Amino acid sequence: MFKKVLVANRGEIAIRAMRACRELGVKTVAVYSDADKNALFVKYADESYHIGPAPSSQSYLNIDKIIETALECEAEAIHPGYGFLSENSKFARKCEEVGITFIGPSSRSIEQMGSKIAARNTMIKAGVPVVPGTNEAIADPEKAADIADGIGYPVIIKASAGGGGIGMKIVHSRKNFIAALNSIQSVAESAFGDPTVFIEKYVEEPRHIEFQILADKYGNTVYVMERECSIQRRHQKLIEEAPSPVMTPELRKKMGETAVKAAKAIGYENAGTVEFLYSKGDFYFLEVNTRLQVEHTISEMITGIDLAKQQLHIACGKELPFCQEDITIRGWAIECRLNAEDPLNDFVPCPGKIKRYRSAGGPGIRVDSGVHMGYTISPYYDSMISKLCAWGNDREEAIDRMKRALYEYVIIGVTTNIPFHKAVMRHPAFREGKLTTHFIEDHKIIDEVRKVVEEDALAGATLSSALDDKDRKIAVATAAVSSYVDAIKKQTK
């Protein structure tokens, strides 16, 4: 096992990687920006090094500085977490060149999956089903519009180098196609430095189902069951659960074996995720995430496999200690991403200082977080506060435990999406497992969120002891004004 690992990330995922290291007796190194000098992950690590100003381009994306720091502190390996440099083939290659182990797949595997067009073509050759669409970059807008006509609307235009829900647009007619194409090319150039886009048929009533995989250096590859991630806003996940409510043993085996085939097609090693779209009995390859996912927690909860530890073991050259037949499902788990964002204002981020904080607990609850009371949510990074996970013997118990945990969770000082999660957990369609990636729009969940906000305000913001009387009156007044304004808007439409 490694003696020292540098974690090239921040927040809760940095702490998650460090916890796995600590349990294995491995010393950890944190790197931090100006904005994170007092962050919990910096204090948790055995050593910590400042790497630059708050903007990620000058700190957490600074490959040379991170490599320099790793060599300086004599770290044998780097854990990239998720986001930032975790799927950057240049970073992985640089680690390989200087003799530092990159805890993840090879730079070649990352490169193969870094381009969605290349990934599509690789999967087609491997016999993995893909959504009908183009297999090369779009160059001529008019020709692209003709291709979209041939595929049949609606279609979705995607950035080839995209990720995290960025660089996608659904188009319903030729009239809007070229404007949408230009828009996505501009976004792709700005976000990824690559304007390359392609077209796919837009799958109706899609469910987002992904399979966690583990692969060692000896050709052993397994799937650690599936997760359903259909509750999304702007193509970004908010609620995940494992297993999927739509899954049968036969479908799980078929999709799981397809995920393994996809991983082997690119010589994949370490932890990763093969994502699919599922619709009306059919499934299609979406992409491979060449890293540990945010929602890896719920796979751990239903299988008992510590994925972060397995990453370290595989990177050290150890063989997987289990085979596919050894992996079984026990119970059900749900994850809610708690973010500092306003669901009543198009989920706009709401950075600020957390004045009061009390996380949930009790049977079946897991909280992965990097914040504390007095912590400031920075405007420079993702607004995630924590990942709240609930386990139950079955789906109904997991949902009920999540509802209870959301009731217990107190965060004051920043606006959060807790009311959104409460609204989803109590919605009949969610409880019945009737999910699609359009769940929020199809079921007018934001209207339900507004009701939850009003109920919480009238009840004293959930835990009345957490607010003084003055704060409570302000909350009630704010909810009342919001309801009045919405009523006026409806009358004037």
Protein backbone atom coordinates (compact mmCIF):
# COMPACT_ATOMS: atom_id res chain seq x y z
CA MET A 1 0.00 0.00 0.00
CA PHE A 2 1.06 3.60 -0.56
CA LYS A 3 2.65 5.49 2.31
CA LYS A 4 1.43 8.93 1.25
CA VAL A 5 -1.33 10.13 -1.13
CA LEU A 6 -2.00 13.67 -2.30
CA VAL A 7 -5.72 14.43 -2.81
CA ALA A 8 -6.07 16.88 -5.69
CA ASN A 9 -9.52 18.09 -4.78
CA ARG A 10 -11.52 19.88 -2.10
CA GLY A 11 -14.67 19.62 0.03
CA GLU A 12 -16.47 16.42 0.86
CA ILE A 13 -14.82 14.28 -1.82
CA ALA A 14 -11.37 15.23 -0.51
CA ILE A 15 -12.44 14.12 2.95
CA ARG A 16 -13.95 10.92 1.54
CA ALA A 17 -10.66 9.96 -0.12
CA MET A 18 -8.70 10.89 3.01
CA ARG A 19 -10.96 8.75 5.19
CA ALA A 20 -10.23 5.72 3.03
CA CYS A 21 -6.51 6.47 3.25
CA ARG A 22 -6.62 6.91 7.03
CA GLU A 23 -8.35 3.57 7.51
CA LEU A 24 -5.60 1.94 5.44
CA GLY A 25 -2.84 3.68 7.39
CA VAL A 26 -1.91 5.96 4.49
CA LYS A 27 -0.82 9.56 5.19
CA THR A 28 -2.70 12.23 3.24
CA VAL A 29 -1.79 15.57 1.70
CA ALA A 30 -4.29 18.35 1.00
CA VAL A 31 -3.80 21.13 -1.53
CA TYR A 32 -5.89 24.26 -1.11
CA SER A 33 -6.65 27.66 -2.64
CA ASP A 34 -6.95 31.01 -0.87
CA ALA A 35 -10.71 30.44 -0.51
CA ASP A 36 -10.19 27.10 1.27
CA LYS A 37 -7.44 27.91 3.74
CA ASN A 38 -9.80 27.29 6.70
CA ALA A 39 -11.74 24.41 5.12
CA LEU A 40 -12.34 21.17 6.98
CA PHE A 41 -10.48 18.99 4.45
CA VAL A 42 -7.33 21.07 4.94
CA LYS A 43 -7.40 20.41 8.68
CA TYR A 44 -8.26 16.73 8.20
CA ALA A 45 -5.17 15.94 6.12
CA ASP A 46 -1.80 15.04 7.65
CA GLU A 47 -0.12 17.73 5.54
CA SER A 48 -1.49 20.69 3.56
CA TYR A 49 -0.05 22.97 0.89
CA HIS A 50 -1.29 26.22 -0.58
CA ILE A 51 -1.42 26.07 -4.39
CA GLY A 52 -2.88 29.39 -5.53
CA PRO A 53 -5.70 31.96 -5.66
CA ALA A 54 -9.39 31.07 -5.39
CA PRO A 55 -10.22 30.70 -9.11
CA SER A 56 -9.88 27.00 -9.93
CA SER A 57 -7.89 27.78 -13.08
CA GLN A 58 -5.12 29.08 -10.83
CA SER A 59 -5.33 26.37 -8.16
CA TYR A 60 -7.27 23.10 -8.48
CA LEU A 61 -6.76 23.03 -12.28
CA ASN A 62 -3.08 24.00 -12.11
CA ILE A 63 -1.47 20.74 -13.22
CA ASP A 64 2.13 21.91 -12.89
CA LYS A 65 1.64 23.25 -9.36
CA ILE A 66 -0.10 20.10 -8.14
CA ILE A 67 2.55 17.83 -9.62
CA GLU A 68 5.28 20.06 -8.17
CA THR A 69 3.64 19.84 -4.74
CA ALA A 70 3.31 16.05 -4.95
CA LEU A 71 7.01 15.70 -5.77
CA GLU A 72 7.96 18.15 -3.02
CA CYS A 73 6.07 16.27 -0.30
CA GLU A 74 7.10 12.88 -1.72
CA ALA A 75 3.56 11.62 -2.33
CA GLU A 76 3.55 8.31 -4.19
CA ALA A 77 0.08 8.72 -5.64
CA ILE A 78 -2.59 11.33 -6.40
CA HIS A 79 -6.31 10.81 -5.86
CA PRO A 80 -8.21 13.24 -8.15
CA GLY A 81 -11.69 12.88 -6.61
CA TYR A 82 -14.35 14.02 -9.09
CA GLY A 83 -14.54 17.19 -11.16
CA PHE A 84 -11.49 19.43 -11.64
CA LEU A 85 -8.68 17.24 -13.06
CA SER A 86 -10.26 13.84 -12.42
CA GLU A 87 -10.99 13.19 -16.11
CA ASN A 88 -8.10 15.17 -17.56
CA SER A 89 -5.92 12.87 -19.64
CA LYS A 90 -3.08 15.41 -19.66
CA PHE A 91 -2.97 15.34 -15.87
CA ALA A 92 -3.01 11.53 -15.76
CA ARG A 93 -0.24 11.42 -18.39
CA LYS A 94 1.86 13.93 -16.46
CA CYS A 95 1.56 11.74 -13.36
CA GLU A 96 2.68 8.75 -15.41
CA GLU A 97 5.66 10.68 -16.80
CA VAL A 98 6.99 11.76 -13.38
CA GLY A 99 6.41 8.36 -11.73
CA ILE A 100 3.44 9.28 -9.54
CA THR A 101 0.53 6.83 -9.51
CA PHE A 102 -2.73 8.35 -10.74
CA ILE A 103 -5.52 6.72 -8.74
CA GLY A 104 -7.82 6.12 -11.65
CA PRO A 105 -7.66 4.75 -15.20
CA SER A 106 -4.77 5.26 -17.62
CA SER A 107 -4.43 8.48 -19.58
CA ARG A 108 -5.23 6.47 -22.71
CA SER A 109 -8.57 5.25 -21.31
CA ILE A 110 -9.50 8.77 -20.21
CA GLU A 111 -8.58 10.10 -23.64
CA GLN A 112 -10.72 7.50 -25.38
CA MET A 113 -13.77 8.49 -23.34
CA GLY A 114 -12.98 12.22 -23.21
CA SER A 115 -14.52 12.74 -26.63
CA LYS A 116 -18.14 11.63 -26.77
CA ILE A 117 -17.85 11.11 -30.52
CA ALA A 118 -14.83 8.82 -30.09
CA ALA A 119 -16.63 7.04 -27.24
CA ARG A 120 -19.70 6.41 -29.44
CA ASN A 121 -17.56 4.91 -32.18
CA THR A 122 -15.64 2.75 -29.72
CA MET A 123 -18.87 1.38 -28.25
CA ILE A 124 -20.38 0.71 -31.67
CA LYS A 125 -17.32 -1.39 -32.55
CA ALA A 126 -17.64 -3.23 -29.23
CA GLY A 127 -21.30 -4.07 -29.91
CA VAL A 128 -22.68 -1.79 -27.20
CA PRO A 129 -26.05 -0.20 -28.14
CA VAL A 130 -25.92 3.58 -28.72
CA VAL A 131 -28.58 6.18 -29.40
CA PRO A 132 -29.04 6.82 -33.16
CA GLY A 133 -27.02 9.87 -34.19
CA THR A 134 -23.89 11.20 -35.89
CA ASN A 135 -20.54 9.51 -35.49
CA GLU A 136 -18.41 12.46 -36.56
CA ALA A 137 -18.07 16.14 -35.72
CA ILE A 138 -20.61 18.59 -37.14
CA ALA A 139 -18.99 21.02 -39.60
CA ASP A 140 -21.65 22.35 -42.02
CA PRO A 141 -24.76 23.74 -40.23
CA GLU A 142 -27.12 23.14 -43.17
CA LYS A 143 -25.85 19.58 -43.66
CA ALA A 144 -26.26 19.02 -39.91
CA ALA A 145 -29.87 20.24 -40.14
CA ASP A 146 -30.47 17.74 -42.96
CA ILE A 147 -29.02 14.97 -40.78
CA ALA A 148 -31.32 16.00 -37.91
CA ASP A 149 -34.28 15.84 -40.32
CA GLY A 150 -33.23 12.29 -41.20
CA ILE A 151 -32.85 11.22 -37.57
CA GLY A 152 -36.24 12.72 -36.73
CA TYR A 153 -37.09 15.36 -34.14
CA PRO A 154 -36.68 15.90 -31.28
CA VAL A 155 -32.88 15.65 -31.37
CA ILE A 156 -30.27 16.67 -28.83
CA ILE A 157 -27.11 18.57 -29.73
CA LYS A 158 -24.17 17.71 -27.46
CA ALA A 159 -20.67 19.02 -26.92
CA SER A 160 -18.23 16.21 -27.68
CA ALA A 161 -15.98 17.22 -24.77
CA GLY A 162 -18.91 17.97 -22.47
CA GLY A 163 -19.75 16.71 -19.03
CA GLY A 164 -21.75 17.54 -15.92
CA GLY A 165 -24.82 18.41 -17.99
CA ILE A 166 -23.03 21.32 -19.69
CA GLY A 167 -23.26 21.74 -23.47
CA MET A 168 -26.57 20.10 -24.35
CA LYS A 169 -29.70 21.42 -26.03
CA ILE A 170 -32.89 19.66 -27.13
CA VAL A 171 -34.26 20.82 -30.50
CA HIS A 172 -37.82 20.11 -31.60
CA SER A 173 -37.82 21.45 -35.17
CA ARG A 174 -35.55 22.49 -38.03
CA LYS A 175 -36.63 26.11 -37.52
CA ASN A 176 -34.65 26.29 -34.25
CA PHE A 177 -31.84 23.92 -35.17
CA ILE A 178 -29.09 26.21 -36.49
CA ALA A 179 -29.51 28.77 -33.69
CA ALA A 180 -29.28 25.93 -31.13
CA LEU A 181 -26.22 24.50 -32.91
CA ASN A 182 -24.41 27.86 -32.79
CA SER A 183 -25.31 28.26 -29.12
CA ILE A 184 -23.93 24.85 -28.10
CA GLN A 185 -20.76 25.34 -30.13
CA SER A 186 -20.19 28.63 -28.30
CA VAL A 187 -20.82 27.02 -24.90
CA ALA A 188 -18.51 24.10 -25.77
CA GLU A 189 -15.69 26.43 -26.80
CA SER A 190 -16.08 28.50 -23.62
CA ALA A 191 -16.46 25.61 -21.15
CA PHE A 192 -14.15 22.97 -22.65
CA GLY A 193 -11.97 24.79 -25.17
CA ASP A 194 -13.41 22.55 -27.89
CA PRO A 195 -16.38 23.60 -30.07
CA THR A 196 -16.92 20.10 -31.49
CA VAL A 197 -20.55 18.93 -31.27
CA PHE A 198 -22.63 16.01 -32.50
CA ILE A 199 -26.31 15.06 -32.79
CA GLU A 200 -28.32 12.25 -31.23
CA LYS A 201 -31.95 11.25 -31.39
CA TYR A 202 -33.66 12.51 -28.26
CA VAL A 203 -34.98 9.51 -26.36
CA GLU A 204 -38.57 9.96 -25.14
CA GLU A 205 -39.37 9.36 -21.45
CA PRO A 206 -35.73 8.58 -20.63
CA ARG A 207 -34.47 7.21 -17.35
CA HIS A 208 -30.82 7.75 -16.44
CA ILE A 209 -29.37 4.48 -15.16
CA GLU A 210 -25.67 3.94 -14.53
CA PHE A 211 -23.58 0.92 -13.57
CA GLN A 212 -20.68 1.19 -11.17
CA ILE A 213 -17.69 -0.84 -12.33
CA LEU A 214 -14.40 -1.93 -10.79
CA ALA A 215 -11.54 -3.27 -12.88
CA ASP A 216 -8.08 -4.39 -11.79
CA LYS A 217 -4.81 -4.72 -13.70
CA TYR A 218 -5.33 -8.46 -14.29
CA GLY A 219 -8.40 -8.33 -16.53
CA ASN A 220 -10.96 -8.78 -13.75
CA THR A 221 -13.92 -6.44 -14.22
CA VAL A 222 -17.18 -6.45 -12.25
CA TYR A 223 -20.26 -4.27 -12.01
CA VAL A 224 -21.19 -3.12 -8.51
CA MET A 225 -24.89 -2.92 -9.38
CA GLU A 226 -26.75 0.10 -10.71
CA ARG A 227 -27.95 3.53 -9.64
CA GLU A 228 -30.92 5.49 -10.96
CA CYS A 229 -30.14 9.19 -11.43
CA SER A 230 -33.23 10.46 -13.24
CA ILE A 231 -34.11 13.35 -10.91
CA GLN A 232 -32.12 16.15 -12.54
CA ARG A 233 -32.14 19.87 -13.18
CA ARG A 234 -30.37 21.17 -16.29
CA HIS A 235 -29.06 17.62 -16.93
CA GLN A 236 -27.36 17.63 -13.51
CA LYS A 237 -28.27 15.04 -10.91
CA LEU A 238 -29.98 15.97 -7.65
CA ILE A 239 -31.33 12.65 -6.32
CA GLU A 240 -29.93 9.17 -6.92
CA GLU A 241 -31.00 5.76 -5.67
CA ALA A 242 -29.73 2.22 -5.73
CA PRO A 243 -30.98 -0.09 -7.01
CA SER A 244 -33.24 1.30 -9.76
CA PRO A 245 -37.01 0.86 -9.28
CA VAL A 246 -37.38 -0.24 -12.91
CA MET A 247 -34.77 -2.99 -12.73
CA THR A 248 -35.43 -6.74 -12.95
CA PRO A 249 -32.78 -9.42 -12.33
CA GLU A 250 -32.72 -10.20 -16.05
CA LEU A 251 -32.35 -6.55 -17.11
CA ARG A 252 -29.69 -5.95 -14.45
CA LYS A 253 -27.62 -8.86 -15.73
CA LYS A 254 -27.95 -7.71 -19.35
CA MET A 255 -27.08 -4.06 -18.63
CA GLY A 256 -24.36 -4.98 -16.15
CA GLU A 257 -22.64 -7.31 -18.60
CA THR A 258 -22.90 -4.60 -21.27
CA ALA A 259 -21.21 -2.15 -18.87
CA VAL A 260 -18.38 -4.64 -18.35
CA LYS A 261 -18.06 -5.10 -22.12
CA ALA A 262 -17.82 -1.29 -22.51
CA ALA A 263 -15.10 -1.09 -19.84
CA LYS A 264 -13.07 -3.90 -21.37
CA ALA A 265 -13.34 -2.30 -24.81
CA ILE A 266 -11.10 0.54 -23.60
CA GLY A 267 -8.86 -1.52 -21.30
CA TYR A 268 -10.34 0.20 -18.27
CA GLU A 269 -8.76 -0.05 -14.81
CA ASN A 270 -9.91 1.24 -11.40
CA ALA A 271 -13.38 2.57 -10.51
CA GLY A 272 -15.65 4.05 -13.16
CA THR A 273 -19.25 4.36 -14.23
CA VAL A 274 -20.95 3.34 -17.45
CA GLU A 275 -24.06 5.46 -17.98
CA PHE A 276 -27.11 4.47 -19.99
CA LEU A 277 -30.42 5.94 -21.08
CA TYR A 278 -33.30 3.54 -20.54
CA SER A 279 -36.65 3.96 -22.27
CA LYS A 280 -39.58 1.62 -22.79
CA GLY A 281 -37.57 -1.58 -22.42
CA ASP A 282 -34.52 -0.48 -24.40
CA PHE A 283 -31.23 0.95 -23.18
CA TYR A 284 -28.48 2.92 -24.89
CA PHE A 285 -24.90 3.78 -24.00
CA LEU A 286 -24.53 7.39 -22.84
CA GLU A 287 -20.95 7.82 -21.60
CA VAL A 288 -18.24 6.48 -19.31
CA ASN A 289 -17.30 8.57 -16.27
CA THR A 290 -13.65 7.75 -15.71
CA ARG A 291 -13.65 8.55 -11.99
CA LEU A 292 -15.45 8.03 -8.71
CA GLN A 293 -18.97 9.44 -8.94
CA VAL A 294 -20.60 11.82 -6.47
CA GLU A 295 -23.23 9.15 -5.84
CA HIS A 296 -20.82 6.26 -5.19
CA THR A 297 -22.07 6.35 -1.60
CA ILE A 298 -25.33 4.55 -2.28
CA SER A 299 -23.61 1.71 -4.12
CA GLU A 300 -21.43 1.27 -1.05
CA MET A 301 -24.51 1.22 1.18
CA ILE A 302 -26.32 -1.55 -0.70
CA THR A 303 -23.31 -3.78 -1.41
CA GLY A 304 -20.96 -3.18 1.53
CA ILE A 305 -18.06 -2.53 -0.86
CA ASP A 306 -15.86 0.46 -0.02
CA LEU A 307 -15.23 1.88 -3.49
CA ALA A 308 -12.67 4.45 -2.37
CA LYS A 309 -10.57 1.74 -0.71
CA GLN A 310 -10.86 -0.43 -3.78
CA GLN A 311 -9.51 2.45 -5.85
CA LEU A 312 -6.42 2.52 -3.67
CA HIS A 313 -5.99 -1.27 -3.71
CA ILE A 314 -6.29 -1.44 -7.51
CA ALA A 315 -3.88 1.46 -7.98
CA CYS A 316 -1.38 -0.43 -5.81
CA GLY A 317 -1.59 -3.40 -8.14
CA LYS A 318 -3.81 -5.62 -6.02
CA GLU A 319 -6.30 -8.02 -7.55
CA LEU A 320 -10.03 -7.61 -6.90
CA PRO A 321 -10.89 -9.67 -3.79
CA PHE A 322 -14.28 -10.74 -5.15
CA CYS A 323 -15.92 -11.88 -8.38
CA GLN A 324 -19.30 -10.95 -9.87
CA GLU A 325 -21.15 -13.73 -8.06
CA ASP A 326 -19.96 -12.39 -4.70
CA ILE A 327 -21.66 -9.00 -5.17
CA THR A 328 -25.23 -8.90 -3.92
CA ILE A 329 -27.78 -6.21 -3.09
CA ARG A 330 -28.91 -5.64 0.46
CA GLY A 331 -31.69 -3.12 0.97
CA TRP A 332 -32.20 0.23 -0.74
CA ALA A 333 -30.34 3.56 -0.58
CA ILE A 334 -31.16 7.11 -1.67
CA GLU A 335 -28.86 10.14 -1.93
CA CYS A 336 -30.00 13.77 -1.90
CA ARG A 337 -27.45 16.38 -2.94
CA LEU A 338 -27.92 19.30 -0.55
CA ASN A 339 -26.79 22.47 -2.30
CA ALA A 340 -26.71 26.16 -1.46
CA GLU A 341 -29.12 27.06 -4.24
CA ASP A 342 -32.64 28.43 -4.62
CA PRO A 343 -35.06 25.98 -6.28
CA LEU A 344 -37.67 28.76 -6.49
CA ASN A 345 -35.28 30.86 -8.57
CA ASP A 346 -34.18 28.34 -11.22
CA PHE A 347 -31.75 26.71 -8.75
CA VAL A 348 -29.44 29.73 -8.80
CA PRO A 349 -26.39 29.22 -6.50
CA CYS A 350 -26.59 31.01 -3.14
CA PRO A 351 -23.10 31.27 -1.65
CA GLY A 352 -22.71 32.68 1.84
CA LYS A 353 -21.90 31.92 5.45
CA ILE A 354 -23.57 29.07 7.31
CA LYS A 355 -24.71 30.62 10.59
CA ARG A 356 -26.25 27.53 12.16
CA TYR A 357 -25.74 23.93 11.17
CA ARG A 358 -27.00 20.58 12.42
CA SER A 359 -26.79 17.52 10.19
CA ALA A 360 -29.19 14.59 10.35
CA GLY A 361 -28.40 11.27 12.02
CA GLY A 362 -29.98 8.12 13.35
CA PRO A 363 -30.54 4.65 11.87
CA GLY A 364 -29.61 4.21 8.23
CA ILE A 365 -28.33 7.77 7.68
CA ARG A 366 -24.98 8.77 6.17
CA VAL A 367 -23.80 12.36 5.67
CA ASP A 368 -20.74 13.11 3.52
CA SER A 369 -19.90 16.78 3.96
CA GLY A 370 -17.06 19.24 4.05
CA VAL A 371 -18.83 22.08 5.86
CA HIS A 372 -19.50 23.16 9.45
CA MET A 373 -21.16 25.98 11.35
CA GLY A 374 -19.46 29.23 10.41
CA TYR A 375 -18.23 27.84 7.08
CA THR A 376 -18.60 30.07 4.01
CA ILE A 377 -19.91 28.53 0.78
CA SER A 378 -17.61 30.02 -1.84
CA PRO A 379 -18.91 31.51 -5.10
CA TYR A 380 -15.86 30.06 -6.87
CA TYR A 381 -16.84 26.38 -6.66
CA ASP A 382 -19.80 24.02 -6.74
CA SER A 383 -22.44 24.95 -4.18
CA MET A 384 -22.76 21.47 -2.65
CA ILE A 385 -23.11 21.46 1.14
CA SER A 386 -23.39 17.74 1.70
CA LYS A 387 -24.62 14.41 0.40
CA LEU A 388 -27.43 13.09 2.58
CA CYS A 389 -27.91 9.34 2.20
CA ALA A 390 -30.59 7.08 3.65
CA TRP A 391 -30.62 3.27 3.71
CA GLY A 392 -33.63 1.05 4.33
CA ASN A 393 -34.55 -2.62 4.09
CA ASP A 394 -36.68 -1.66 1.08
CA ARG A 395 -37.41 1.42 -1.00
CA GLU A 396 -40.34 2.54 1.14
CA GLU A 397 -38.25 2.51 4.31
CA ALA A 398 -35.39 4.34 2.56
CA ILE A 399 -37.78 7.10 1.43
CA ASP A 400 -39.32 7.40 4.89
CA ARG A 401 -35.89 7.62 6.50
CA MET A 402 -34.86 10.29 4.01
CA LYS A 403 -37.98 12.30 4.82
CA ARG A 404 -37.13 12.06 8.51
CA ALA A 405 -33.51 13.04 7.90
CA LEU A 406 -34.53 16.07 5.83
CA TYR A 407 -36.78 17.14 8.71
CA GLU A 408 -33.81 16.94 11.10
CA TYR A 409 -31.33 18.79 8.88
CA VAL A 410 -30.86 22.46 9.89
CA ILE A 411 -28.90 24.89 7.72
CA ILE A 412 -29.36 28.60 8.42
CA GLY A 413 -27.60 31.49 6.73
CA VAL A 414 -27.83 30.31 3.12
CA THR A 415 -30.76 29.29 0.96
CA THR A 416 -30.72 25.54 0.29
CA ASN A 417 -32.59 23.02 -1.84
CA ILE A 418 -33.83 21.03 1.17
CA PRO A 419 -37.45 22.04 0.39
CA PHE A 420 -37.00 20.60 -3.10
CA HIS A 421 -35.92 17.25 -1.72
CA LYS A 422 -38.83 17.22 0.73
CA ALA A 423 -41.24 17.90 -2.14
CA VAL A 424 -39.85 15.03 -4.22
CA MET A 425 -39.81 12.52 -1.36
CA ARG A 426 -43.51 13.02 -0.68
CA HIS A 427 -44.64 13.12 -4.31
CA PRO A 428 -46.81 10.10 -5.30
CA ALA A 429 -45.03 9.61 -8.64
CA PHE A 430 -41.64 9.38 -6.92
CA ARG A 431 -42.94 6.99 -4.30
CA GLU A 432 -44.30 4.81 -7.10
CA GLY A 433 -40.93 4.87 -8.89
CA LYS A 434 -42.35 6.55 -11.99
CA LEU A 435 -39.22 8.48 -12.93
CA THR A 436 -37.83 10.21 -16.01
CA THR A 437 -35.20 12.89 -16.50
CA HIS A 438 -38.14 15.33 -16.94
CA PHE A 439 -39.59 14.53 -13.53
CA ILE A 440 -39.30 18.11 -12.23
CA GLU A 441 -41.09 19.64 -15.22
CA ASP A 442 -43.64 16.86 -15.78
CA HIS A 443 -44.88 16.94 -12.20
CA LYS A 444 -44.55 20.69 -11.58
CA ILE A 445 -42.32 19.97 -8.61
CA ILE A 446 -41.45 23.64 -8.13
CA ASP A 447 -45.09 24.32 -7.23
CA GLU A 448 -44.76 21.60 -4.58
CA VAL A 449 -41.49 23.13 -3.38
CA ARG A 450 -43.27 26.45 -2.84
CA LYS A 451 -45.83 24.68 -0.64
CA VAL A 452 -43.04 23.07 1.41
CA VAL A 453 -41.32 26.45 1.91
CA GLU A 454 -44.58 27.95 3.17
CA GLU A 455 -45.27 24.98 5.46
CA ASP A 456 -41.76 25.09 6.90
CA ALA A 457 -42.00 28.82 7.48
CA LEU A 458 -45.33 28.53 9.27
CA ALA A 459 -44.01 25.64 11.35
CA GLY A 460 -41.01 27.68 12.45
CA ALA A 461 -38.56 26.57 9.71
CA THR A 462 -38.84 22.88 10.65
CA LEU A 463 -37.06 22.79 14.01
CA SER A 464 -38.55 25.79 15.78
CA SER A 465 -35.82 25.83 18.40
CA ALA A 466 -33.30 26.60 15.68
CA LEU A 467 -34.83 30.01 15.00
CA ASP A 468 -35.58 32.85 17.34
CA ASP A 469 -38.98 34.53 17.17
CA LYS A 470 -37.78 37.40 15.01
CA ASP A 471 -36.34 35.08 12.36
CA ARG A 472 -39.52 33.01 12.40
CA LYS A 473 -41.75 36.04 11.76
CA ILE A 474 -39.53 37.13 8.88
CA ALA A 475 -39.71 33.65 7.33
CA VAL A 476 -43.52 33.56 7.59
CA ALA A 477 -43.82 37.05 6.11
CA THR A 478 -41.49 36.17 3.24
CA ALA A 479 -43.50 33.05 2.38
CA ALA A 480 -46.76 35.01 2.49
CA VAL A 481 -45.41 37.70 0.14
CA SER A 482 -44.09 35.03 -2.24
CA SER A 483 -47.52 33.36 -2.42
CA TYR A 484 -49.23 36.71 -3.03
CA VAL A 485 -46.85 37.65 -5.86
CA ASP A 486 -47.32 34.25 -7.53
CA ALA A 487 -51.10 34.66 -7.35
CA ILE A 488 -50.88 38.10 -9.02
CA LYS A 489 -48.65 36.70 -11.77
CA LYS A 490 -51.17 33.94 -12.55
CA GLN A 491 -54.02 36.45 -12.75
CA THR A 492 -52.13 38.69 -15.17
CA LYS A 493 -51.12 35.93 -17.56
